[in-house]
Amino acid sequence: MPCNLIRLTTVQLTAAHPTLLKSAVESLGYKVEEVNGCLYCYGHGRSFRIANGEITVGANDLAVVNEVKRAYSKKVVQTAARKYGWNLKRIPGNKVRATKRGL
């Protein structure tokens, strides 16, 4: 393969809320710049782009897709818990237990 060839992979992020998605990526320690509705993300020796519900990463950086999905899911759960009055408690196995406030 020529050394000047860049292989990119695009993965669909369905139903992503733009503000929560940006916050999730920033929580992972990436610098995020928004240009015309497109998020350009840099950090940890990587760069990727999120536009129109799709994340485009280098072929060797596919792990970042799962990182972003996990961080986005966490932000969605935190936002919903705050909105509906739930307390969240982390439990082993990358899980969260939700309890209603005041009970």
PDB file of N, CA and C in Angstrom:
ATOM      1  N   MET A   1       0.857  -1.175   0.000  1.00  0.00           N
ATOM      2  CA  MET A   1       0.000   0.000   0.000  1.00  0.00           C
ATOM      3  C   MET A   1       0.900   1.233   0.000  1.00  0.00           C
ATOM      4  N   PRO A   2       0.604   2.225  -0.833  1.00  0.00           N
ATOM      5  CA  PRO A   2       1.416   3.445  -0.871  1.00  0.00           C
ATOM      6  C   PRO A   2       1.387   4.174   0.467  1.00  0.00           C
ATOM      7  N   CYS A   3       2.484   4.840   0.801  1.00  0.00           N
ATOM      8  CA  CYS A   3       2.570   5.523   2.084  1.00  0.00           C
ATOM      9  C   CYS A   3       1.725   6.794   2.141  1.00  0.00           C
ATOM     10  N   ASN A   4       1.272   7.291   1.010  1.00  0.00           N
ATOM     11  CA  ASN A   4       0.464   8.509   1.017  1.00  0.00           C
ATOM     12  C   ASN A   4      -1.038   8.217   0.984  1.00  0.00           C
ATOM     13  N   LEU A   5      -1.421   6.960   1.145  1.00  0.00           N
ATOM     14  CA  LEU A   5      -2.820   6.565   1.134  1.00  0.00           C
ATOM     15  C   LEU A   5      -3.377   6.572   2.557  1.00  0.00           C
ATOM     16  N   ILE A   6      -4.520   7.199   2.741  1.00  0.00           N
ATOM     17  CA  ILE A   6      -5.180   7.242   4.044  1.00  0.00           C
ATOM     18  C   ILE A   6      -6.479   6.457   3.930  1.00  0.00           C
ATOM     19  N   ARG A   7      -6.626   5.448   4.778  1.00  0.00           N
ATOM     20  CA  ARG A   7      -7.841   4.648   4.774  1.00  0.00           C
ATOM     21  C   ARG A   7      -8.766   5.154   5.869  1.00  0.00           C
ATOM     22  N   LEU A   8      -9.992   5.479   5.487  1.00  0.00           N
ATOM     23  CA  LEU A   8     -10.985   5.977   6.431  1.00  0.00           C
ATOM     24  C   LEU A   8     -12.148   5.000   6.514  1.00  0.00           C
ATOM     25  N   THR A   9     -12.757   4.962   7.688  1.00  0.00           N
ATOM     26  CA  THR A   9     -13.935   4.134   7.907  1.00  0.00           C
ATOM     27  C   THR A   9     -15.035   5.020   8.468  1.00  0.00           C
ATOM     28  N   THR A  10     -16.245   4.852   7.978  1.00  0.00           N
ATOM     29  CA  THR A  10     -17.382   5.635   8.456  1.00  0.00           C
ATOM     30  C   THR A  10     -18.366   4.697   9.138  1.00  0.00           C
ATOM     31  N   VAL A  11     -18.817   5.107  10.336  1.00  0.00           N
ATOM     32  CA  VAL A  11     -19.766   4.318  11.119  1.00  0.00           C
ATOM     33  C   VAL A  11     -20.969   5.201  11.433  1.00  0.00           C
ATOM     34  N   GLN A  12     -22.158   4.656  11.291  1.00  0.00           N
ATOM     35  CA  GLN A  12     -23.403   5.387  11.550  1.00  0.00           C
ATOM     36  C   GLN A  12     -23.647   5.532  13.055  1.00  0.00           C
ATOM     37  N   LEU A  13     -23.940   6.754  13.508  1.00  0.00           N
ATOM     38  CA  LEU A  13     -24.364   7.024  14.883  1.00  0.00           C
ATOM     39  C   LEU A  13     -25.823   7.449  14.804  1.00  0.00           C
ATOM     40  N   THR A  14     -26.730   6.531  15.021  1.00  0.00           N
ATOM     41  CA  THR A  14     -28.145   6.834  14.836  1.00  0.00           C
ATOM     42  C   THR A  14     -28.711   7.628  16.002  1.00  0.00           C
ATOM     43  N   ALA A  15     -29.597   8.541  15.685  1.00  0.00           N
ATOM     44  CA  ALA A  15     -30.355   9.340  16.658  1.00  0.00           C
ATOM     45  C   ALA A  15     -29.474  10.074  17.663  1.00  0.00           C
ATOM     46  N   ALA A  16     -28.354  10.579  17.231  1.00  0.00           N
ATOM     47  CA  ALA A  16     -27.442  11.281  18.144  1.00  0.00           C
ATOM     48  C   ALA A  16     -27.873  12.735  18.324  1.00  0.00           C
ATOM     49  N   HIS A  17     -27.985  13.162  19.565  1.00  0.00           N
ATOM     50  CA  HIS A  17     -28.299  14.553  19.905  1.00  0.00           C
ATOM     51  C   HIS A  17     -26.990  15.335  19.828  1.00  0.00           C
ATOM     52  N   PRO A  18     -26.878  16.337  18.966  1.00  0.00           N
ATOM     53  CA  PRO A  18     -25.596  17.020  18.726  1.00  0.00           C
ATOM     54  C   PRO A  18     -24.929  17.592  19.974  1.00  0.00           C
ATOM     55  N   THR A  19     -25.691  18.225  20.851  1.00  0.00           N
ATOM     56  CA  THR A  19     -25.096  18.837  22.040  1.00  0.00           C
ATOM     57  C   THR A  19     -24.553  17.778  22.984  1.00  0.00           C
ATOM     58  N   LEU A  20     -25.315  16.702  23.194  1.00  0.00           N
ATOM     59  CA  LEU A  20     -24.849  15.621  24.059  1.00  0.00           C
ATOM     60  C   LEU A  20     -23.642  14.914  23.448  1.00  0.00           C
ATOM     61  N   LEU A  21     -23.656  14.756  22.134  1.00  0.00           N
ATOM     62  CA  LEU A  21     -22.544  14.094  21.461  1.00  0.00           C
ATOM     63  C   LEU A  21     -21.257  14.904  21.626  1.00  0.00           C
ATOM     64  N   LYS A  22     -21.346  16.214  21.445  1.00  0.00           N
ATOM     65  CA  LYS A  22     -20.172  17.073  21.614  1.00  0.00           C
ATOM     66  C   LYS A  22     -19.661  16.995  23.046  1.00  0.00           C
ATOM     67  N   SER A  23     -20.554  17.054  24.016  1.00  0.00           N
ATOM     68  CA  SER A  23     -20.186  16.959  25.423  1.00  0.00           C
ATOM     69  C   SER A  23     -19.529  15.615  25.738  1.00  0.00           C
ATOM     70  N   ALA A  24     -20.058  14.540  25.149  1.00  0.00           N
ATOM     71  CA  ALA A  24     -19.505  13.199  25.373  1.00  0.00           C
ATOM     72  C   ALA A  24     -18.075  13.098  24.840  1.00  0.00           C
ATOM     73  N   VAL A  25     -17.841  13.625  23.655  1.00  0.00           N
ATOM     74  CA  VAL A  25     -16.501  13.569  23.057  1.00  0.00           C
ATOM     75  C   VAL A  25     -15.526  14.407  23.893  1.00  0.00           C
ATOM     76  N   GLU A  26     -15.971  15.573  24.348  1.00  0.00           N
ATOM     77  CA  GLU A  26     -15.112  16.416  25.188  1.00  0.00           C
ATOM     78  C   GLU A  26     -14.795  15.729  26.516  1.00  0.00           C
ATOM     79  N   SER A  27     -15.744  14.955  27.050  1.00  0.00           N
ATOM     80  CA  SER A  27     -15.502  14.254  28.313  1.00  0.00           C
ATOM     81  C   SER A  27     -14.427  13.173  28.167  1.00  0.00           C
ATOM     82  N   LEU A  28     -14.162  12.754  26.946  1.00  0.00           N
ATOM     83  CA  LEU A  28     -13.098  11.778  26.690  1.00  0.00           C
ATOM     84  C   LEU A  28     -11.729  12.443  26.562  1.00  0.00           C
ATOM     85  N   GLY A  29     -11.713  13.766  26.634  1.00  0.00           N
ATOM     86  CA  GLY A  29     -10.452  14.497  26.576  1.00  0.00           C
ATOM     87  C   GLY A  29     -10.068  14.984  25.194  1.00  0.00           C
ATOM     88  N   TYR A  30     -10.982  14.929  24.247  1.00  0.00           N
ATOM     89  CA  TYR A  30     -10.705  15.418  22.900  1.00  0.00           C
ATOM     90  C   TYR A  30     -11.060  16.894  22.800  1.00  0.00           C
ATOM     91  N   LYS A  31     -10.307  17.608  21.989  1.00  0.00           N
ATOM     92  CA  LYS A  31     -10.655  18.990  21.665  1.00  0.00           C
ATOM     93  C   LYS A  31     -11.640  18.906  20.504  1.00  0.00           C
ATOM     94  N   VAL A  32     -12.753  19.622  20.623  1.00  0.00           N
ATOM     95  CA  VAL A  32     -13.808  19.550  19.611  1.00  0.00           C
ATOM     96  C   VAL A  32     -14.050  20.939  19.027  1.00  0.00           C
ATOM     97  N   GLU A  33     -14.009  21.010  17.705  1.00  0.00           N
ATOM     98  CA  GLU A  33     -14.332  22.244  17.006  1.00  0.00           C
ATOM     99  C   GLU A  33     -15.556  21.983  16.137  1.00  0.00           C
ATOM    100  N   GLU A  34     -16.547  22.868  16.247  1.00  0.00           N
ATOM    101  CA  GLU A  34     -17.760  22.709  15.456  1.00  0.00           C
ATOM    102  C   GLU A  34     -17.726  23.696  14.299  1.00  0.00           C
ATOM    103  N   VAL A  35     -17.848  23.182  13.086  1.00  0.00           N
ATOM    104  CA  VAL A  35     -17.852  24.006  11.883  1.00  0.00           C
ATOM    105  C   VAL A  35     -19.017  23.555  11.009  1.00  0.00           C
ATOM    106  N   ASN A  36     -19.980  24.440  10.819  1.00  0.00           N
ATOM    107  CA  ASN A  36     -21.147  24.155   9.976  1.00  0.00           C
ATOM    108  C   ASN A  36     -21.832  22.841  10.337  1.00  0.00           C
ATOM    109  N   GLY A  37     -22.010  22.590  11.627  1.00  0.00           N
ATOM    110  CA  GLY A  37     -22.705  21.389  12.076  1.00  0.00           C
ATOM    111  C   GLY A  37     -21.854  20.134  12.080  1.00  0.00           C
ATOM    112  N   CYS A  38     -20.608  20.253  11.714  1.00  0.00           N
ATOM    113  CA  CYS A  38     -19.684  19.115  11.693  1.00  0.00           C
ATOM    114  C   CYS A  38     -18.725  19.243  12.875  1.00  0.00           C
ATOM    115  N   LEU A  39     -18.511  18.161  13.615  1.00  0.00           N
ATOM    116  CA  LEU A  39     -17.585  18.174  14.750  1.00  0.00           C
ATOM    117  C   LEU A  39     -16.239  17.599  14.315  1.00  0.00           C
ATOM    118  N   TYR A  40     -15.187  18.397  14.471  1.00  0.00           N
ATOM    119  CA  TYR A  40     -13.828  17.944  14.204  1.00  0.00           C
ATOM    120  C   TYR A  40     -13.166  17.716  15.563  1.00  0.00           C
ATOM    121  N   CYS A  41     -12.697  16.505  15.798  1.00  0.00           N
ATOM    122  CA  CYS A  41     -12.209  16.105  17.109  1.00  0.00           C
ATOM    123  C   CYS A  41     -10.734  15.717  17.024  1.00  0.00           C
ATOM    124  N   TYR A  42      -9.940  16.255  17.977  1.00  0.00           N
ATOM    125  CA  TYR A  42      -8.502  16.029  17.987  1.00  0.00           C
ATOM    126  C   TYR A  42      -8.056  15.693  19.400  1.00  0.00           C
ATOM    127  N   GLY A  43      -7.087  14.811  19.510  1.00  0.00           N
ATOM    128  CA  GLY A  43      -6.503  14.510  20.808  1.00  0.00           C
ATOM    129  C   GLY A  43      -6.048  13.065  20.882  1.00  0.00           C
ATOM    130  N   HIS A  44      -5.222  12.778  21.872  1.00  0.00           N
ATOM    131  CA  HIS A  44      -4.715  11.420  22.103  1.00  0.00           C
ATOM    132  C   HIS A  44      -4.047  10.843  20.850  1.00  0.00           C
ATOM    133  N   GLY A  45      -3.456  11.700  20.033  1.00  0.00           N
ATOM    134  CA  GLY A  45      -2.789  11.232  18.815  1.00  0.00           C
ATOM    135  C   GLY A  45      -3.746  10.809  17.707  1.00  0.00           C
ATOM    136  N   ARG A  46      -5.010  11.195  17.825  1.00  0.00           N
ATOM    137  CA  ARG A  46      -6.020  10.807  16.846  1.00  0.00           C
ATOM    138  C   ARG A  46      -6.778  12.043  16.370  1.00  0.00           C
ATOM    139  N   SER A  47      -7.437  11.886  15.251  1.00  0.00           N
ATOM    140  CA  SER A  47      -8.385  12.899  14.809  1.00  0.00           C
ATOM    141  C   SER A  47      -9.517  12.166  14.096  1.00  0.00           C
ATOM    142  N   PHE A  48     -10.724  12.686  14.253  1.00  0.00           N
ATOM    143  CA  PHE A  48     -11.872  12.110  13.575  1.00  0.00           C
ATOM    144  C   PHE A  48     -12.927  13.186  13.396  1.00  0.00           C
ATOM    145  N   ARG A  49     -13.918  12.875  12.571  1.00  0.00           N
ATOM    146  CA  ARG A  49     -14.947  13.843  12.221  1.00  0.00           C
ATOM    147  C   ARG A  49     -16.312  13.211  12.435  1.00  0.00           C
ATOM    148  N   ILE A  50     -17.249  14.006  12.955  1.00  0.00           N
ATOM    149  CA  ILE A  50     -18.629  13.550  13.117  1.00  0.00           C
ATOM    150  C   ILE A  50     -19.525  14.524  12.368  1.00  0.00           C
ATOM    151  N   ALA A  51     -20.268  14.003  11.396  1.00  0.00           N
ATOM    152  CA  ALA A  51     -21.167  14.841  10.587  1.00  0.00           C
ATOM    153  C   ALA A  51     -22.356  14.014  10.137  1.00  0.00           C
ATOM    154  N   ASN A  52     -23.529  14.619  10.184  1.00  0.00           N
ATOM    155  CA  ASN A  52     -24.754  13.981   9.684  1.00  0.00           C
ATOM    156  C   ASN A  52     -24.985  12.591  10.270  1.00  0.00           C
ATOM    157  N   GLY A  53     -24.683  12.433  11.564  1.00  0.00           N
ATOM    158  CA  GLY A  53     -24.921  11.155  12.224  1.00  0.00           C
ATOM    159  C   GLY A  53     -23.918  10.079  11.891  1.00  0.00           C
ATOM    160  N   GLU A  54     -22.789  10.460  11.304  1.00  0.00           N
ATOM    161  CA  GLU A  54     -21.753   9.484  10.975  1.00  0.00           C
ATOM    162  C   GLU A  54     -20.417   9.930  11.553  1.00  0.00           C
ATOM    163  N   ILE A  55     -19.658   8.978  12.070  1.00  0.00           N
ATOM    164  CA  ILE A  55     -18.323   9.260  12.569  1.00  0.00           C
ATOM    165  C   ILE A  55     -17.326   8.658  11.587  1.00  0.00           C
ATOM    166  N   THR A  56     -16.369   9.468  11.154  1.00  0.00           N
ATOM    167  CA  THR A  56     -15.361   9.022  10.206  1.00  0.00           C
ATOM    168  C   THR A  56     -14.011   9.020  10.904  1.00  0.00           C
ATOM    169  N   VAL A  57     -13.389   7.841  10.955  1.00  0.00           N
ATOM    170  CA  VAL A  57     -12.110   7.660  11.647  1.00  0.00           C
ATOM    171  C   VAL A  57     -11.123   6.972  10.718  1.00  0.00           C
ATOM    172  N   GLY A  58      -9.849   7.066  11.074  1.00  0.00           N
ATOM    173  CA  GLY A  58      -8.834   6.326  10.345  1.00  0.00           C
ATOM    174  C   GLY A  58      -9.033   4.836  10.550  1.00  0.00           C
ATOM    175  N   ALA A  59      -8.618   4.023   9.593  1.00  0.00           N
ATOM    176  CA  ALA A  59      -8.833   2.580   9.656  1.00  0.00           C
ATOM    177  C   ALA A  59      -8.201   1.964  10.907  1.00  0.00           C
ATOM    178  N   ASN A  60      -7.140   2.572  11.428  1.00  0.00           N
ATOM    179  CA  ASN A  60      -6.474   2.036  12.615  1.00  0.00           C
ATOM    180  C   ASN A  60      -7.063   2.561  13.918  1.00  0.00           C
ATOM    181  N   ASP A  61      -8.057   3.431  13.841  1.00  0.00           N
ATOM    182  CA  ASP A  61      -8.628   4.061  15.039  1.00  0.00           C
ATOM    183  C   ASP A  61     -10.079   3.654  15.286  1.00  0.00           C
ATOM    184  N   LEU A  62     -10.469   2.463  14.897  1.00  0.00           N
ATOM    185  CA  LEU A  62     -11.851   2.035  15.072  1.00  0.00           C
ATOM    186  C   LEU A  62     -12.255   1.951  16.539  1.00  0.00           C
ATOM    187  N   ALA A  63     -11.314   1.788  17.447  1.00  0.00           N
ATOM    188  CA  ALA A  63     -11.632   1.714  18.879  1.00  0.00           C
ATOM    189  C   ALA A  63     -12.280   3.005  19.369  1.00  0.00           C
ATOM    190  N   VAL A  64     -11.955   4.122  18.733  1.00  0.00           N
ATOM    191  CA  VAL A  64     -12.516   5.407  19.153  1.00  0.00           C
ATOM    192  C   VAL A  64     -14.034   5.421  18.952  1.00  0.00           C
ATOM    193  N   VAL A  65     -14.534   4.671  18.001  1.00  0.00           N
ATOM    194  CA  VAL A  65     -15.981   4.628  17.755  1.00  0.00           C
ATOM    195  C   VAL A  65     -16.696   4.092  18.993  1.00  0.00           C
ATOM    196  N   ASN A  66     -16.195   2.997  19.552  1.00  0.00           N
ATOM    197  CA  ASN A  66     -16.822   2.433  20.749  1.00  0.00           C
ATOM    198  C   ASN A  66     -16.662   3.351  21.950  1.00  0.00           C
ATOM    199  N   GLU A  67     -15.524   4.029  22.051  1.00  0.00           N
ATOM    200  CA  GLU A  67     -15.326   5.000  23.136  1.00  0.00           C
ATOM    201  C   GLU A  67     -16.381   6.101  23.059  1.00  0.00           C
ATOM    202  N   VAL A  68     -16.596   6.624  21.862  1.00  0.00           N
ATOM    203  CA  VAL A  68     -17.569   7.702  21.669  1.00  0.00           C
ATOM    204  C   VAL A  68     -18.979   7.197  21.963  1.00  0.00           C
ATOM    205  N   LYS A  69     -19.308   6.009  21.500  1.00  0.00           N
ATOM    206  CA  LYS A  69     -20.644   5.456  21.752  1.00  0.00           C
ATOM    207  C   LYS A  69     -20.894   5.274  23.247  1.00  0.00           C
ATOM    208  N   ARG A  70     -19.897   4.753  23.982  1.00  0.00           N
ATOM    209  CA  ARG A  70     -20.051   4.567  25.434  1.00  0.00           C
ATOM    210  C   ARG A  70     -20.215   5.910  26.139  1.00  0.00           C
ATOM    211  N   ALA A  71     -19.381   6.888  25.769  1.00  0.00           N
ATOM    212  CA  ALA A  71     -19.457   8.206  26.405  1.00  0.00           C
ATOM    213  C   ALA A  71     -20.797   8.872  26.081  1.00  0.00           C
ATOM    214  N   TYR A  72     -21.272   8.717  24.860  1.00  0.00           N
ATOM    215  CA  TYR A  72     -22.568   9.290  24.478  1.00  0.00           C
ATOM    216  C   TYR A  72     -23.697   8.638  25.277  1.00  0.00           C
ATOM    217  N   SER A  73     -23.666   7.328  25.399  1.00  0.00           N
ATOM    218  CA  SER A  73     -24.689   6.617  26.173  1.00  0.00           C
ATOM    219  C   SER A  73     -24.700   7.093  27.618  1.00  0.00           C
ATOM    220  N   LYS A  74     -23.517   7.278  28.173  1.00  0.00           N
ATOM    221  CA  LYS A  74     -23.405   7.759  29.558  1.00  0.00           C
ATOM    222  C   LYS A  74     -24.053   9.141  29.701  1.00  0.00           C
ATOM    223  N   LYS A  75     -23.781  10.041  28.747  1.00  0.00           N
ATOM    224  CA  LYS A  75     -24.367  11.386  28.796  1.00  0.00           C
ATOM    225  C   LYS A  75     -25.885  11.340  28.659  1.00  0.00           C
ATOM    226  N   VAL A  76     -26.396  10.466  27.807  1.00  0.00           N
ATOM    227  CA  VAL A  76     -27.841  10.345  27.622  1.00  0.00           C
ATOM    228  C   VAL A  76     -28.500   9.877  28.919  1.00  0.00           C
ATOM    229  N   VAL A  77     -27.910   8.861  29.558  1.00  0.00           N
ATOM    230  CA  VAL A  77     -28.467   8.343  30.813  1.00  0.00           C
ATOM    231  C   VAL A  77     -28.408   9.412  31.904  1.00  0.00           C
ATOM    232  N   GLN A  78     -27.285  10.125  32.014  1.00  0.00           N
ATOM    233  CA  GLN A  78     -27.156  11.181  33.024  1.00  0.00           C
ATOM    234  C   GLN A  78     -28.189  12.288  32.799  1.00  0.00           C
ATOM    235  N   THR A  79     -28.384  12.673  31.555  1.00  0.00           N
ATOM    236  CA  THR A  79     -29.337  13.735  31.237  1.00  0.00           C
ATOM    237  C   THR A  79     -30.767  13.308  31.559  1.00  0.00           C
ATOM    238  N   ALA A  80     -31.129  12.087  31.185  1.00  0.00           N
ATOM    239  CA  ALA A  80     -32.470  11.579  31.472  1.00  0.00           C
ATOM    240  C   ALA A  80     -32.695  11.450  32.975  1.00  0.00           C
ATOM    241  N   ALA A  81     -31.680  10.989  33.705  1.00  0.00           N
ATOM    242  CA  ALA A  81     -31.800  10.843  35.164  1.00  0.00           C
ATOM    243  C   ALA A  81     -32.032  12.199  35.817  1.00  0.00           C
ATOM    244  N   ARG A  82     -31.272  13.191  35.380  1.00  0.00           N
ATOM    245  CA  ARG A  82     -31.424  14.544  35.926  1.00  0.00           C
ATOM    246  C   ARG A  82     -32.825  15.091  35.614  1.00  0.00           C
ATOM    247  N   LYS A  83     -33.302  14.860  34.405  1.00  0.00           N
ATOM    248  CA  LYS A  83     -34.600  15.369  33.974  1.00  0.00           C
ATOM    249  C   LYS A  83     -35.752  14.739  34.766  1.00  0.00           C
ATOM    250  N   TYR A  84     -35.652  13.446  35.058  1.00  0.00           N
ATOM    251  CA  TYR A  84     -36.753  12.738  35.701  1.00  0.00           C
ATOM    252  C   TYR A  84     -36.552  12.468  37.186  1.00  0.00           C
ATOM    253  N   GLY A  85     -35.502  13.043  37.780  1.00  0.00           N
ATOM    254  CA  GLY A  85     -35.315  12.957  39.216  1.00  0.00           C
ATOM    255  C   GLY A  85     -34.781  11.634  39.726  1.00  0.00           C
ATOM    256  N   TRP A  86     -33.861  11.030  39.008  1.00  0.00           N
ATOM    257  CA  TRP A  86     -33.266   9.767  39.425  1.00  0.00           C
ATOM    258  C   TRP A  86     -31.842  10.006  39.911  1.00  0.00           C
ATOM    259  N   ASN A  87     -31.416   9.216  40.896  1.00  0.00           N
ATOM    260  CA  ASN A  87     -30.019   9.203  41.334  1.00  0.00           C
ATOM    261  C   ASN A  87     -29.339   8.005  40.682  1.00  0.00           C
ATOM    262  N   LEU A  88     -28.116   8.208  40.231  1.00  0.00           N
ATOM    263  CA  LEU A  88     -27.367   7.131  39.587  1.00  0.00           C
ATOM    264  C   LEU A  88     -26.218   6.691  40.483  1.00  0.00           C
ATOM    265  N   LYS A  89     -26.010   5.389  40.575  1.00  0.00           N
ATOM    266  CA  LYS A  89     -24.889   4.847  41.348  1.00  0.00           C
ATOM    267  C   LYS A  89     -24.189   3.809  40.487  1.00  0.00           C
ATOM    268  N   ARG A  90     -22.882   3.994  40.318  1.00  0.00           N
ATOM    269  CA  ARG A  90     -22.097   3.050  39.517  1.00  0.00           C
ATOM    270  C   ARG A  90     -21.972   1.731  40.265  1.00  0.00           C
ATOM    271  N   ILE A  91     -22.137   0.635  39.542  1.00  0.00           N
ATOM    272  CA  ILE A  91     -21.933  -0.688  40.094  1.00  0.00           C
ATOM    273  C   ILE A  91     -20.961  -1.426  39.176  1.00  0.00           C
ATOM    274  N   PRO A  92     -20.324  -2.499  39.646  1.00  0.00           N
ATOM    275  CA  PRO A  92     -19.320  -3.199  38.830  1.00  0.00           C
ATOM    276  C   PRO A  92     -19.870  -3.657  37.478  1.00  0.00           C
ATOM    277  N   GLY A  93     -18.967  -3.727  36.513  1.00  0.00           N
ATOM    278  CA  GLY A  93     -19.337  -4.208  35.187  1.00  0.00           C
ATOM    279  C   GLY A  93     -19.806  -3.116  34.252  1.00  0.00           C
ATOM    280  N   ASN A  94     -19.328  -1.886  34.457  1.00  0.00           N
ATOM    281  CA  ASN A  94     -19.702  -0.758  33.600  1.00  0.00           C
ATOM    282  C   ASN A  94     -21.224  -0.567  33.577  1.00  0.00           C
ATOM    283  N   LYS A  95     -21.839  -0.716  34.751  1.00  0.00           N
ATOM    284  CA  LYS A  95     -23.293  -0.586  34.884  1.00  0.00           C
ATOM    285  C   LYS A  95     -23.627   0.517  35.869  1.00  0.00           C
ATOM    286  N   VAL A  96     -24.894   0.933  35.845  1.00  0.00           N
ATOM    287  CA  VAL A  96     -25.385   1.991  36.722  1.00  0.00           C
ATOM    288  C   VAL A  96     -26.721   1.548  37.311  1.00  0.00           C
ATOM    289  N   ARG A  97     -26.906   1.810  38.593  1.00  0.00           N
ATOM    290  CA  ARG A  97     -28.195   1.543  39.239  1.00  0.00           C
ATOM    291  C   ARG A  97     -28.899   2.884  39.446  1.00  0.00           C
ATOM    292  N   ALA A  98     -30.148   2.959  38.994  1.00  0.00           N
ATOM    293  CA  ALA A  98     -30.925   4.187  39.121  1.00  0.00           C
ATOM    294  C   ALA A  98     -31.972   4.014  40.215  1.00  0.00           C
ATOM    295  N   THR A  99     -32.081   5.015  41.076  1.00  0.00           N
ATOM    296  CA  THR A  99     -33.112   5.024  42.105  1.00  0.00           C
ATOM    297  C   THR A  99     -33.802   6.379  42.079  1.00  0.00           C
ATOM    298  N   LYS A 100     -35.104   6.366  42.360  1.00  0.00           N
ATOM    299  CA  LYS A 100     -35.873   7.603  42.380  1.00  0.00           C
ATOM    300  C   LYS A 100     -35.483   8.430  43.597  1.00  0.00           C
ATOM    301  N   ARG A 101     -35.254   9.712  43.409  1.00  0.00           N
ATOM    302  CA  ARG A 101     -34.922  10.594  44.532  1.00  0.00           C
ATOM    303  C   ARG A 101     -36.083  10.647  45.523  1.00  0.00           C
ATOM    304  N   GLY A 102     -35.737  10.675  46.806  1.00  0.00           N
ATOM    305  CA  GLY A 102     -36.747  10.816  47.835  1.00  0.00           C
ATOM    306  C   GLY A 102     -37.346   9.493  48.299  1.00  0.00           C
ATOM    307  N   LEU A 103     -36.918   8.379  47.749  1.00  0.00           N
ATOM    308  CA  LEU A 103     -37.451   7.083  48.177  1.00  0.00           C
ATOM    309  C   LEU A 103     -36.451   6.369  49.053  1.00  0.00           C
TER     310      LEU A 103
END
